[in-house]
Amino acid sequence: QHQRSLNEVLTGGSIDPESIRRTVEATSTIYTSLARTFPGTMGAEVASAESVIMLAGWNDAMALERLDSLSIDNVRIVDVLRAARRAAARESGLEAGLALLEGWKAKTDDQVLRAAIQSEQVLALIDSLQQDRALIAARDLRAQNAGAGWDQWADNAIYELENLMPGMIAPDVVVRTYPDSALVETSSLRGKLVLLEFYAPGATSFEAEIAQRNEVIDLLDPRIFSSISVSVDPDTLRNEAYIDSRQLLGQHVIAPDGLRGDLASLYNVNVLPTRYLLDADGRIAGKYTGRAMERLVSDLALMLNAQ
């Protein structure tokens, strides 16, 4: 019913954000009523969690109000708190989002859950470019979870904070392109804006943005812009078929060891696609994970206008 209601709004001519908001609020209310009707069930837990998650960004105040009805033992509590801390930050600022996470972390003695919530605190600080505070939180997370799994996550976060934040010189990459085996070094591209992207052939999130990425690459003068697309699928034949069938523009590289190789590790690639935009001085201008092409294009336009 929710999908049907959204489709009616989206196909009604002009897209009305207010109508979408009302639809989301109505569905969220149904989820809340389900949680009350079937207390103590798995369905009630999932419904109460979803009632908060789907509201975030549409009605942050209502999302935070409904958060109070959830238990720390909810099966989706980390997903809920991820959405809620962003809602709190939009409503009252970064510190409000961090305080929300800290308050919920205090509700449990489960070390794994506490670590998961603290990882959200690290991400909140990274998102707001609070590098020093994020490093302290990540190092604390690592120290408290040695050998428990989250220490590796913390190591990745620390590496990113020390090497991959906006304004830092991007790690140099020396690769051979496919299929012509030309040698490309990112440091030799200084003076140009550079798009460095990591993707998995056939992934839905990448497929959805192919037309837009091709349009950007085709539109920009190669004297001021260059792109390097790295496939993390080491299968050469599959890459050949994929690139040829979709006419992907730009230079292509196949990472021989996929996500576990040095190339992906150098740029801390864990989500696909991951894209980095480098400025003319070789510094990181932005990082974009998942379906974030719209934001990348907007940032790219601002950089070009500033030149």
C-alpha atoms as a PDB file:
ATOM      1  CA  GLN A   1       0.000   0.000   0.000  1.00  0.00           C
ATOM      2  CA  HIS A   2       2.886   2.331   0.786  1.00  0.00           C
ATOM      3  CA  GLN A   3       4.488   1.711  -2.614  1.00  0.00           C
ATOM      4  CA  ARG A   4       1.145   2.202  -4.324  1.00  0.00           C
ATOM      5  CA  SER A   5       0.590   5.502  -2.518  1.00  0.00           C
ATOM      6  CA  LEU A   6       4.061   6.736  -3.443  1.00  0.00           C
ATOM      7  CA  ASN A   7       3.568   5.737  -7.062  1.00  0.00           C
ATOM      8  CA  GLU A   8       0.346   7.737  -7.178  1.00  0.00           C
ATOM      9  CA  VAL A   9       2.183  10.801  -5.849  1.00  0.00           C
ATOM     10  CA  LEU A  10       5.181  10.402  -8.155  1.00  0.00           C
ATOM     11  CA  THR A  11       3.145   9.793 -11.312  1.00  0.00           C
ATOM     12  CA  GLY A  12       0.644  12.552 -10.682  1.00  0.00           C
ATOM     13  CA  GLY A  13       2.463  15.101 -12.839  1.00  0.00           C
ATOM     14  CA  SER A  14       4.649  17.313 -10.681  1.00  0.00           C
ATOM     15  CA  ILE A  15       6.484  15.822  -7.693  1.00  0.00           C
ATOM     16  CA  ASP A  16       5.117  17.315  -4.488  1.00  0.00           C
ATOM     17  CA  PRO A  17       7.462  16.789  -1.486  1.00  0.00           C
ATOM     18  CA  GLU A  18       4.640  17.642   0.908  1.00  0.00           C
ATOM     19  CA  SER A  19       2.517  14.815  -0.488  1.00  0.00           C
ATOM     20  CA  ILE A  20       5.433  12.403  -0.146  1.00  0.00           C
ATOM     21  CA  ARG A  21       5.936  13.537   3.456  1.00  0.00           C
ATOM     22  CA  ARG A  22       2.280  12.918   4.290  1.00  0.00           C
ATOM     23  CA  THR A  23       2.446   9.468   2.694  1.00  0.00           C
ATOM     24  CA  VAL A  24       5.531   8.554   4.714  1.00  0.00           C
ATOM     25  CA  GLU A  25       3.945   9.834   7.928  1.00  0.00           C
ATOM     26  CA  ALA A  26       0.786   7.826   7.277  1.00  0.00           C
ATOM     27  CA  THR A  27       2.715   4.600   6.698  1.00  0.00           C
ATOM     28  CA  SER A  28       4.860   5.246   9.759  1.00  0.00           C
ATOM     29  CA  THR A  29       1.694   5.607  11.831  1.00  0.00           C
ATOM     30  CA  ILE A  30       0.448   2.248  10.537  1.00  0.00           C
ATOM     31  CA  TYR A  31       3.747   0.656  11.582  1.00  0.00           C
ATOM     32  CA  THR A  32       3.356   2.162  15.045  1.00  0.00           C
ATOM     33  CA  SER A  33      -0.167   0.773  15.362  1.00  0.00           C
ATOM     34  CA  LEU A  34       1.079  -2.673  14.320  1.00  0.00           C
ATOM     35  CA  ALA A  35       3.683  -2.545  17.079  1.00  0.00           C
ATOM     36  CA  ARG A  36       0.946  -1.758  19.610  1.00  0.00           C
ATOM     37  CA  THR A  37      -1.424  -4.427  18.288  1.00  0.00           C
ATOM     38  CA  PHE A  38       1.129  -7.258  18.381  1.00  0.00           C
ATOM     39  CA  PRO A  39       3.377  -6.464  21.364  1.00  0.00           C
ATOM     40  CA  GLY A  40       6.236  -8.827  22.101  1.00  0.00           C
ATOM     41  CA  THR A  41       6.459 -10.169  18.546  1.00  0.00           C
ATOM     42  CA  MET A  42       9.249  -9.916  16.015  1.00  0.00           C
ATOM     43  CA  GLY A  43       6.832  -8.097  13.721  1.00  0.00           C
ATOM     44  CA  ALA A  44       6.233  -5.464  16.403  1.00  0.00           C
ATOM     45  CA  GLU A  45       9.985  -4.894  16.797  1.00  0.00           C
ATOM     46  CA  VAL A  46      10.556  -4.502  13.073  1.00  0.00           C
ATOM     47  CA  ALA A  47       7.487  -2.272  12.652  1.00  0.00           C
ATOM     48  CA  SER A  48       8.454   0.049  15.504  1.00  0.00           C
ATOM     49  CA  ALA A  49      11.990   0.341  14.126  1.00  0.00           C
ATOM     50  CA  GLU A  50      10.806   1.064  10.597  1.00  0.00           C
ATOM     51  CA  SER A  51       8.367   3.680  11.875  1.00  0.00           C
ATOM     52  CA  VAL A  52      11.379   5.731  13.012  1.00  0.00           C
ATOM     53  CA  ILE A  53      13.765   4.976  10.137  1.00  0.00           C
ATOM     54  CA  MET A  54      11.356   5.947   7.361  1.00  0.00           C
ATOM     55  CA  LEU A  55      10.402   9.234   9.050  1.00  0.00           C
ATOM     56  CA  ALA A  56      13.975  10.502   9.321  1.00  0.00           C
ATOM     57  CA  GLY A  57      14.500  13.253   6.778  1.00  0.00           C
ATOM     58  CA  TRP A  58      10.776  13.754   6.274  1.00  0.00           C
ATOM     59  CA  ASN A  59       9.645  14.571   9.799  1.00  0.00           C
ATOM     60  CA  ASP A  60      12.650  14.497  12.125  1.00  0.00           C
ATOM     61  CA  ALA A  61      10.735  15.716  15.169  1.00  0.00           C
ATOM     62  CA  MET A  62       8.193  12.900  14.841  1.00  0.00           C
ATOM     63  CA  ALA A  63      10.986  10.346  14.271  1.00  0.00           C
ATOM     64  CA  LEU A  64      12.688  11.408  17.513  1.00  0.00           C
ATOM     65  CA  GLU A  65       9.376  11.322  19.374  1.00  0.00           C
ATOM     66  CA  ARG A  66       8.715   7.746  18.257  1.00  0.00           C
ATOM     67  CA  LEU A  67      12.259   6.699  19.129  1.00  0.00           C
ATOM     68  CA  ASP A  68      11.292   6.895  22.817  1.00  0.00           C
ATOM     69  CA  SER A  69       8.958   3.907  22.423  1.00  0.00           C
ATOM     70  CA  LEU A  70      11.770   1.572  21.319  1.00  0.00           C
ATOM     71  CA  SER A  71      13.835  -0.704  23.515  1.00  0.00           C
ATOM     72  CA  ILE A  72      17.616  -0.963  23.384  1.00  0.00           C
ATOM     73  CA  ASP A  73      17.028  -4.669  22.674  1.00  0.00           C
ATOM     74  CA  ASN A  74      15.206  -3.958  19.400  1.00  0.00           C
ATOM     75  CA  VAL A  75      16.695  -6.146  16.644  1.00  0.00           C
ATOM     76  CA  ARG A  76      17.282  -3.080  14.445  1.00  0.00           C
ATOM     77  CA  ILE A  77      18.331  -0.618  17.112  1.00  0.00           C
ATOM     78  CA  VAL A  78      21.639   0.296  15.420  1.00  0.00           C
ATOM     79  CA  ASP A  79      19.853   1.131  12.144  1.00  0.00           C
ATOM     80  CA  VAL A  80      17.310   3.143  14.117  1.00  0.00           C
ATOM     81  CA  LEU A  81      19.963   5.087  16.012  1.00  0.00           C
ATOM     82  CA  ARG A  82      21.819   5.798  12.751  1.00  0.00           C
ATOM     83  CA  ALA A  83      18.686   7.445  11.368  1.00  0.00           C
ATOM     84  CA  ALA A  84      17.822   9.117  14.672  1.00  0.00           C
ATOM     85  CA  ARG A  85      21.231  10.735  15.231  1.00  0.00           C
ATOM     86  CA  ARG A  86      20.981  12.345  11.785  1.00  0.00           C
ATOM     87  CA  ALA A  87      17.459  13.516  12.606  1.00  0.00           C
ATOM     88  CA  ALA A  88      18.693  14.985  15.906  1.00  0.00           C
ATOM     89  CA  ALA A  89      21.618  16.683  14.144  1.00  0.00           C
ATOM     90  CA  ARG A  90      19.278  18.262  11.591  1.00  0.00           C
ATOM     91  CA  GLU A  91      16.955  19.422  14.353  1.00  0.00           C
ATOM     92  CA  SER A  92      19.491  20.659  16.907  1.00  0.00           C
ATOM     93  CA  GLY A  93      23.037  20.228  15.588  1.00  0.00           C
ATOM     94  CA  LEU A  94      25.900  17.736  15.754  1.00  0.00           C
ATOM     95  CA  GLU A  95      26.183  17.674  19.551  1.00  0.00           C
ATOM     96  CA  ALA A  96      22.532  16.691  19.883  1.00  0.00           C
ATOM     97  CA  GLY A  97      23.105  13.712  17.614  1.00  0.00           C
ATOM     98  CA  LEU A  98      26.185  12.657  19.564  1.00  0.00           C
ATOM     99  CA  ALA A  99      24.360  13.051  22.883  1.00  0.00           C
ATOM    100  CA  LEU A 100      21.526  10.884  21.613  1.00  0.00           C
ATOM    101  CA  LEU A 101      23.966   8.091  20.778  1.00  0.00           C
ATOM    102  CA  GLU A 102      25.766   8.441  24.109  1.00  0.00           C
ATOM    103  CA  GLY A 103      22.478   8.209  25.989  1.00  0.00           C
ATOM    104  CA  TRP A 104      21.476   5.013  24.211  1.00  0.00           C
ATOM    105  CA  LYS A 105      24.929   3.509  24.639  1.00  0.00           C
ATOM    106  CA  ALA A 106      24.527   3.928  28.393  1.00  0.00           C
ATOM    107  CA  LYS A 107      21.395   1.759  28.287  1.00  0.00           C
ATOM    108  CA  THR A 108      23.271  -1.475  27.550  1.00  0.00           C
ATOM    109  CA  ASP A 109      26.137  -3.514  28.956  1.00  0.00           C
ATOM    110  CA  ASP A 110      26.431  -5.524  25.733  1.00  0.00           C
ATOM    111  CA  GLN A 111      29.954  -4.743  24.518  1.00  0.00           C
ATOM    112  CA  VAL A 112      29.200  -5.558  20.882  1.00  0.00           C
ATOM    113  CA  LEU A 113      26.161  -3.261  20.837  1.00  0.00           C
ATOM    114  CA  ARG A 114      28.069  -0.509  22.647  1.00  0.00           C
ATOM    115  CA  ALA A 115      30.822  -0.786  20.011  1.00  0.00           C
ATOM    116  CA  ALA A 116      28.285  -0.565  17.181  1.00  0.00           C
ATOM    117  CA  ILE A 117      26.781   2.598  18.694  1.00  0.00           C
ATOM    118  CA  GLN A 118      30.227   4.097  19.227  1.00  0.00           C
ATOM    119  CA  SER A 119      31.049   3.420  15.576  1.00  0.00           C
ATOM    120  CA  GLU A 120      28.069   5.626  14.723  1.00  0.00           C
ATOM    121  CA  GLN A 121      29.583   8.344  16.903  1.00  0.00           C
ATOM    122  CA  VAL A 122      32.827   8.046  14.935  1.00  0.00           C
ATOM    123  CA  LEU A 123      30.921   8.312  11.649  1.00  0.00           C
ATOM    124  CA  ALA A 124      28.997  11.350  12.889  1.00  0.00           C
ATOM    125  CA  LEU A 125      32.276  13.095  13.685  1.00  0.00           C
ATOM    126  CA  ILE A 126      33.780  12.105  10.331  1.00  0.00           C
ATOM    127  CA  ASP A 127      30.702  13.378   8.485  1.00  0.00           C
ATOM    128  CA  SER A 128      31.054  16.745  10.217  1.00  0.00           C
ATOM    129  CA  LEU A 129      34.823  16.860   9.552  1.00  0.00           C
ATOM    130  CA  GLN A 130      35.621  16.774  13.295  1.00  0.00           C
ATOM    131  CA  GLN A 131      38.865  14.950  12.588  1.00  0.00           C
ATOM    132  CA  ASP A 132      40.569  15.207  15.997  1.00  0.00           C
ATOM    133  CA  ARG A 133      37.486  14.137  17.937  1.00  0.00           C
ATOM    134  CA  ALA A 134      36.809  11.328  15.480  1.00  0.00           C
ATOM    135  CA  LEU A 135      40.363  10.019  15.935  1.00  0.00           C
ATOM    136  CA  ILE A 136      39.966   9.988  19.725  1.00  0.00           C
ATOM    137  CA  ALA A 137      36.648   8.128  19.455  1.00  0.00           C
ATOM    138  CA  ALA A 138      38.031   5.618  16.932  1.00  0.00           C
ATOM    139  CA  ARG A 139      41.143   4.921  19.027  1.00  0.00           C
ATOM    140  CA  ASP A 140      38.966   4.444  22.086  1.00  0.00           C
ATOM    141  CA  LEU A 141      36.778   2.037  20.135  1.00  0.00           C
ATOM    142  CA  ARG A 142      39.839   0.058  19.090  1.00  0.00           C
ATOM    143  CA  ALA A 143      41.269  -0.059  22.607  1.00  0.00           C
ATOM    144  CA  GLN A 144      38.017  -1.300  24.127  1.00  0.00           C
ATOM    145  CA  ASN A 145      37.421  -3.989  21.507  1.00  0.00           C
ATOM    146  CA  ALA A 146      40.809  -5.584  20.883  1.00  0.00           C
ATOM    147  CA  GLY A 147      40.239  -8.942  19.198  1.00  0.00           C
ATOM    148  CA  ALA A 148      36.462  -8.483  19.182  1.00  0.00           C
ATOM    149  CA  GLY A 149      36.008  -7.556  15.509  1.00  0.00           C
ATOM    150  CA  TRP A 150      35.391  -3.840  15.912  1.00  0.00           C
ATOM    151  CA  ASP A 151      39.110  -3.163  16.285  1.00  0.00           C
ATOM    152  CA  GLN A 152      39.564  -3.741  12.532  1.00  0.00           C
ATOM    153  CA  TRP A 153      36.694  -1.349  11.775  1.00  0.00           C
ATOM    154  CA  ALA A 154      38.380   1.203  14.017  1.00  0.00           C
ATOM    155  CA  ASP A 155      41.706   0.700  12.224  1.00  0.00           C
ATOM    156  CA  ASN A 156      40.001   1.438   8.894  1.00  0.00           C
ATOM    157  CA  ALA A 157      38.405   4.564  10.338  1.00  0.00           C
ATOM    158  CA  ILE A 158      41.730   5.749  11.749  1.00  0.00           C
ATOM    159  CA  TYR A 159      43.436   5.155   8.391  1.00  0.00           C
ATOM    160  CA  GLU A 160      40.785   7.207   6.642  1.00  0.00           C
ATOM    161  CA  LEU A 161      41.049  10.027   9.168  1.00  0.00           C
ATOM    162  CA  GLU A 162      44.808  10.157   8.782  1.00  0.00           C
ATOM    163  CA  ASN A 163      44.992   9.758   4.998  1.00  0.00           C
ATOM    164  CA  LEU A 164      41.706  10.303   3.171  1.00  0.00           C
ATOM    165  CA  MET A 165      39.990  13.377   4.557  1.00  0.00           C
ATOM    166  CA  PRO A 166      39.078  16.385   2.366  1.00  0.00           C
ATOM    167  CA  GLY A 167      42.084  18.649   1.851  1.00  0.00           C
ATOM    168  CA  MET A 168      44.637  15.847   2.175  1.00  0.00           C
ATOM    169  CA  ILE A 169      46.908  14.870  -0.705  1.00  0.00           C
ATOM    170  CA  ALA A 170      45.366  11.762  -2.237  1.00  0.00           C
ATOM    171  CA  PRO A 171      47.426   8.565  -2.099  1.00  0.00           C
ATOM    172  CA  ASP A 172      49.259   8.145  -5.383  1.00  0.00           C
ATOM    173  CA  VAL A 173      48.012   5.382  -7.655  1.00  0.00           C
ATOM    174  CA  VAL A 174      50.085   3.813 -10.413  1.00  0.00           C
ATOM    175  CA  VAL A 175      48.021   1.491 -12.618  1.00  0.00           C
ATOM    176  CA  ARG A 176      47.766   0.066 -16.096  1.00  0.00           C
ATOM    177  CA  THR A 177      44.554   0.699 -17.954  1.00  0.00           C
ATOM    178  CA  TYR A 178      42.392  -1.912 -19.615  1.00  0.00           C
ATOM    179  CA  PRO A 179      42.524  -2.956 -22.417  1.00  0.00           C
ATOM    180  CA  ASP A 180      45.421  -0.894 -23.805  1.00  0.00           C
ATOM    181  CA  SER A 181      47.747  -1.410 -20.785  1.00  0.00           C
ATOM    182  CA  ALA A 182      48.756   2.258 -20.686  1.00  0.00           C
ATOM    183  CA  LEU A 183      50.535   3.356 -17.513  1.00  0.00           C
ATOM    184  CA  VAL A 184      48.620   5.995 -15.514  1.00  0.00           C
ATOM    185  CA  GLU A 185      49.821   7.710 -12.354  1.00  0.00           C
ATOM    186  CA  THR A 186      47.466  10.021 -10.474  1.00  0.00           C
ATOM    187  CA  SER A 187      50.322  12.332  -9.440  1.00  0.00           C
ATOM    188  CA  SER A 188      50.988  12.994 -13.149  1.00  0.00           C
ATOM    189  CA  LEU A 189      47.426  14.314 -13.519  1.00  0.00           C
ATOM    190  CA  ARG A 190      48.042  17.411 -11.394  1.00  0.00           C
ATOM    191  CA  GLY A 191      46.451  20.442 -12.977  1.00  0.00           C
ATOM    192  CA  LYS A 192      43.287  18.440 -13.744  1.00  0.00           C
ATOM    193  CA  LEU A 193      40.268  17.479 -11.708  1.00  0.00           C
ATOM    194  CA  VAL A 194      40.252  13.695 -11.327  1.00  0.00           C
ATOM    195  CA  LEU A 195      37.384  11.296 -10.681  1.00  0.00           C
ATOM    196  CA  LEU A 196      38.619   8.034  -9.169  1.00  0.00           C
ATOM    197  CA  GLU A 197      35.853   5.479  -8.803  1.00  0.00           C
ATOM    198  CA  PHE A 198      35.660   1.896  -7.554  1.00  0.00           C
ATOM    199  CA  TYR A 199      32.747  -0.266  -8.657  1.00  0.00           C
ATOM    200  CA  ALA A 200      31.484  -3.814  -9.115  1.00  0.00           C
ATOM    201  CA  PRO A 201      30.272  -4.683 -12.638  1.00  0.00           C
ATOM    202  CA  GLY A 202      26.536  -5.266 -12.658  1.00  0.00           C
ATOM    203  CA  ALA A 203      25.857  -3.783  -9.209  1.00  0.00           C
ATOM    204  CA  THR A 204      22.454  -2.071  -9.165  1.00  0.00           C
ATOM    205  CA  SER A 205      23.714   1.125  -7.515  1.00  0.00           C
ATOM    206  CA  PHE A 206      26.387   1.575 -10.180  1.00  0.00           C
ATOM    207  CA  GLU A 207      24.085   0.617 -13.065  1.00  0.00           C
ATOM    208  CA  ALA A 208      21.591   3.287 -12.029  1.00  0.00           C
ATOM    209  CA  GLU A 209      24.187   6.047 -12.445  1.00  0.00           C
ATOM    210  CA  ILE A 210      25.960   4.943 -15.640  1.00  0.00           C
ATOM    211  CA  ALA A 211      24.123   7.408 -17.878  1.00  0.00           C
ATOM    212  CA  GLN A 212      24.885  10.331 -15.574  1.00  0.00           C
ATOM    213  CA  ARG A 213      28.573   9.455 -15.106  1.00  0.00           C
ATOM    214  CA  ASN A 214      28.974   9.018 -18.882  1.00  0.00           C
ATOM    215  CA  GLU A 215      27.338  12.384 -19.480  1.00  0.00           C
ATOM    216  CA  VAL A 216      29.766  14.091 -17.082  1.00  0.00           C
ATOM    217  CA  ILE A 217      32.836  12.428 -18.605  1.00  0.00           C
ATOM    218  CA  ASP A 218      31.668  13.170 -22.156  1.00  0.00           C
ATOM    219  CA  LEU A 219      30.852  16.795 -21.371  1.00  0.00           C
ATOM    220  CA  LEU A 220      34.115  17.822 -19.704  1.00  0.00           C
ATOM    221  CA  ASP A 221      37.260  18.764 -21.596  1.00  0.00           C
ATOM    222  CA  PRO A 222      39.947  16.068 -21.078  1.00  0.00           C
ATOM    223  CA  ARG A 223      42.476  18.877 -20.667  1.00  0.00           C
ATOM    224  CA  ILE A 224      40.887  19.808 -17.337  1.00  0.00           C
ATOM    225  CA  PHE A 225      39.255  16.539 -16.231  1.00  0.00           C
ATOM    226  CA  SER A 226      40.230  12.876 -16.143  1.00  0.00           C
ATOM    227  CA  SER A 227      38.483   9.770 -14.835  1.00  0.00           C
ATOM    228  CA  ILE A 228      39.817   6.403 -13.694  1.00  0.00           C
ATOM    229  CA  SER A 229      37.302   3.639 -13.057  1.00  0.00           C
ATOM    230  CA  VAL A 230      38.517   0.645 -11.062  1.00  0.00           C
ATOM    231  CA  SER A 231      36.586  -2.618 -11.262  1.00  0.00           C
ATOM    232  CA  VAL A 232      36.999  -4.701  -8.112  1.00  0.00           C
ATOM    233  CA  ASP A 233      36.028  -7.836 -10.026  1.00  0.00           C
ATOM    234  CA  PRO A 234      39.332  -9.444 -11.108  1.00  0.00           C
ATOM    235  CA  ASP A 235      37.665 -11.505 -13.875  1.00  0.00           C
ATOM    236  CA  THR A 236      39.059 -10.023 -17.112  1.00  0.00           C
ATOM    237  CA  LEU A 237      36.489 -11.650 -19.392  1.00  0.00           C
ATOM    238  CA  ARG A 238      33.586 -10.416 -17.317  1.00  0.00           C
ATOM    239  CA  ASN A 239      34.999  -6.889 -17.284  1.00  0.00           C
ATOM    240  CA  GLU A 240      35.518  -6.947 -21.037  1.00  0.00           C
ATOM    241  CA  ALA A 241      31.919  -7.979 -21.659  1.00  0.00           C
ATOM    242  CA  TYR A 242      30.587  -5.460 -19.162  1.00  0.00           C
ATOM    243  CA  ILE A 243      32.575  -2.454 -20.381  1.00  0.00           C
ATOM    244  CA  ASP A 244      31.879  -3.163 -24.046  1.00  0.00           C
ATOM    245  CA  SER A 245      28.154  -3.741 -23.572  1.00  0.00           C
ATOM    246  CA  ARG A 246      27.635  -0.493 -21.657  1.00  0.00           C
ATOM    247  CA  GLN A 247      30.111   1.770 -23.450  1.00  0.00           C
ATOM    248  CA  LEU A 248      31.551   3.057 -20.202  1.00  0.00           C
ATOM    249  CA  LEU A 249      33.508   6.225 -20.896  1.00  0.00           C
ATOM    250  CA  GLY A 250      36.823   7.066 -19.273  1.00  0.00           C
ATOM    251  CA  GLN A 251      39.907   5.030 -18.420  1.00  0.00           C
ATOM    252  CA  HIS A 252      39.446   1.571 -16.926  1.00  0.00           C
ATOM    253  CA  VAL A 253      41.477  -0.487 -14.500  1.00  0.00           C
ATOM    254  CA  ILE A 254      40.932  -4.002 -13.193  1.00  0.00           C
ATOM    255  CA  ALA A 255      41.985  -4.509  -9.563  1.00  0.00           C
ATOM    256  CA  PRO A 256      43.706  -7.926  -9.704  1.00  0.00           C
ATOM    257  CA  ASP A 257      42.887  -8.804  -6.085  1.00  0.00           C
ATOM    258  CA  GLY A 258      39.502  -7.121  -5.886  1.00  0.00           C
ATOM    259  CA  LEU A 259      38.402  -5.539  -2.624  1.00  0.00           C
ATOM    260  CA  ARG A 260      41.144  -7.338  -0.715  1.00  0.00           C
ATOM    261  CA  GLY A 261      43.922  -5.914  -2.850  1.00  0.00           C
ATOM    262  CA  ASP A 262      46.268  -3.017  -2.232  1.00  0.00           C
ATOM    263  CA  LEU A 263      44.444  -0.653  -4.594  1.00  0.00           C
ATOM    264  CA  ALA A 264      41.099  -0.894  -2.765  1.00  0.00           C
ATOM    265  CA  SER A 265      42.839  -0.824   0.621  1.00  0.00           C
ATOM    266  CA  LEU A 266      44.738   2.333  -0.313  1.00  0.00           C
ATOM    267  CA  TYR A 267      41.425   4.157  -0.610  1.00  0.00           C
ATOM    268  CA  ASN A 268      39.648   2.260   2.179  1.00  0.00           C
ATOM    269  CA  VAL A 269      36.944   0.944  -0.155  1.00  0.00           C
ATOM    270  CA  ASN A 270      34.228  -0.934   1.734  1.00  0.00           C
ATOM    271  CA  VAL A 271      31.067   0.296   0.017  1.00  0.00           C
ATOM    272  CA  LEU A 272      30.450   0.167  -3.733  1.00  0.00           C
ATOM    273  CA  PRO A 273      30.521   2.290  -5.661  1.00  0.00           C
ATOM    274  CA  THR A 274      33.030   4.542  -3.897  1.00  0.00           C
ATOM    275  CA  ARG A 275      34.165   7.669  -5.703  1.00  0.00           C
ATOM    276  CA  TYR A 276      36.797  10.251  -4.873  1.00  0.00           C
ATOM    277  CA  LEU A 277      37.034  13.673  -6.477  1.00  0.00           C
ATOM    278  CA  LEU A 278      40.566  15.107  -6.543  1.00  0.00           C
ATOM    279  CA  ASP A 279      41.305  18.762  -7.159  1.00  0.00           C
ATOM    280  CA  ALA A 280      43.969  20.177  -9.467  1.00  0.00           C
ATOM    281  CA  ASP A 281      46.556  20.023  -6.665  1.00  0.00           C
ATOM    282  CA  GLY A 282      45.933  16.321  -6.118  1.00  0.00           C
ATOM    283  CA  ARG A 283      44.027  16.893  -2.875  1.00  0.00           C
ATOM    284  CA  ILE A 284      40.854  15.045  -1.930  1.00  0.00           C
ATOM    285  CA  ALA A 285      37.875  17.298  -2.554  1.00  0.00           C
ATOM    286  CA  GLY A 286      35.199  14.770  -1.646  1.00  0.00           C
ATOM    287  CA  LYS A 287      34.301  11.131  -1.075  1.00  0.00           C
ATOM    288  CA  TYR A 288      31.027   9.677  -2.351  1.00  0.00           C
ATOM    289  CA  THR A 289      29.714   6.222  -1.448  1.00  0.00           C
ATOM    290  CA  GLY A 290      26.690   4.435  -2.821  1.00  0.00           C
ATOM    291  CA  ARG A 291      24.320   6.357  -5.046  1.00  0.00           C
ATOM    292  CA  ALA A 292      25.779   9.826  -4.570  1.00  0.00           C
ATOM    293  CA  MET A 293      26.358  10.947  -8.161  1.00  0.00           C
ATOM    294  CA  GLU A 294      24.056  13.953  -7.792  1.00  0.00           C
ATOM    295  CA  ARG A 295      26.134  15.312  -4.918  1.00  0.00           C
ATOM    296  CA  LEU A 296      29.359  14.625  -6.795  1.00  0.00           C
ATOM    297  CA  VAL A 297      28.120  16.488  -9.879  1.00  0.00           C
ATOM    298  CA  SER A 298      27.076  19.432  -7.713  1.00  0.00           C
ATOM    299  CA  ASP A 299      30.511  19.591  -6.051  1.00  0.00           C
ATOM    300  CA  LEU A 300      32.230  19.210  -9.414  1.00  0.00           C
ATOM    301  CA  ALA A 301      30.257  22.129 -10.840  1.00  0.00           C
ATOM    302  CA  LEU A 302      31.276  24.333  -7.908  1.00  0.00           C
ATOM    303  CA  MET A 303      34.934  23.427  -8.416  1.00  0.00           C
ATOM    304  CA  LEU A 304      34.781  24.174 -12.131  1.00  0.00           C
ATOM    305  CA  ASN A 305      33.088  27.535 -11.511  1.00  0.00           C
ATOM    306  CA  ALA A 306      35.823  28.418  -9.035  1.00  0.00           C
ATOM    307  CA  GLN A 307      38.610  27.842 -11.565  1.00  0.00           C
END
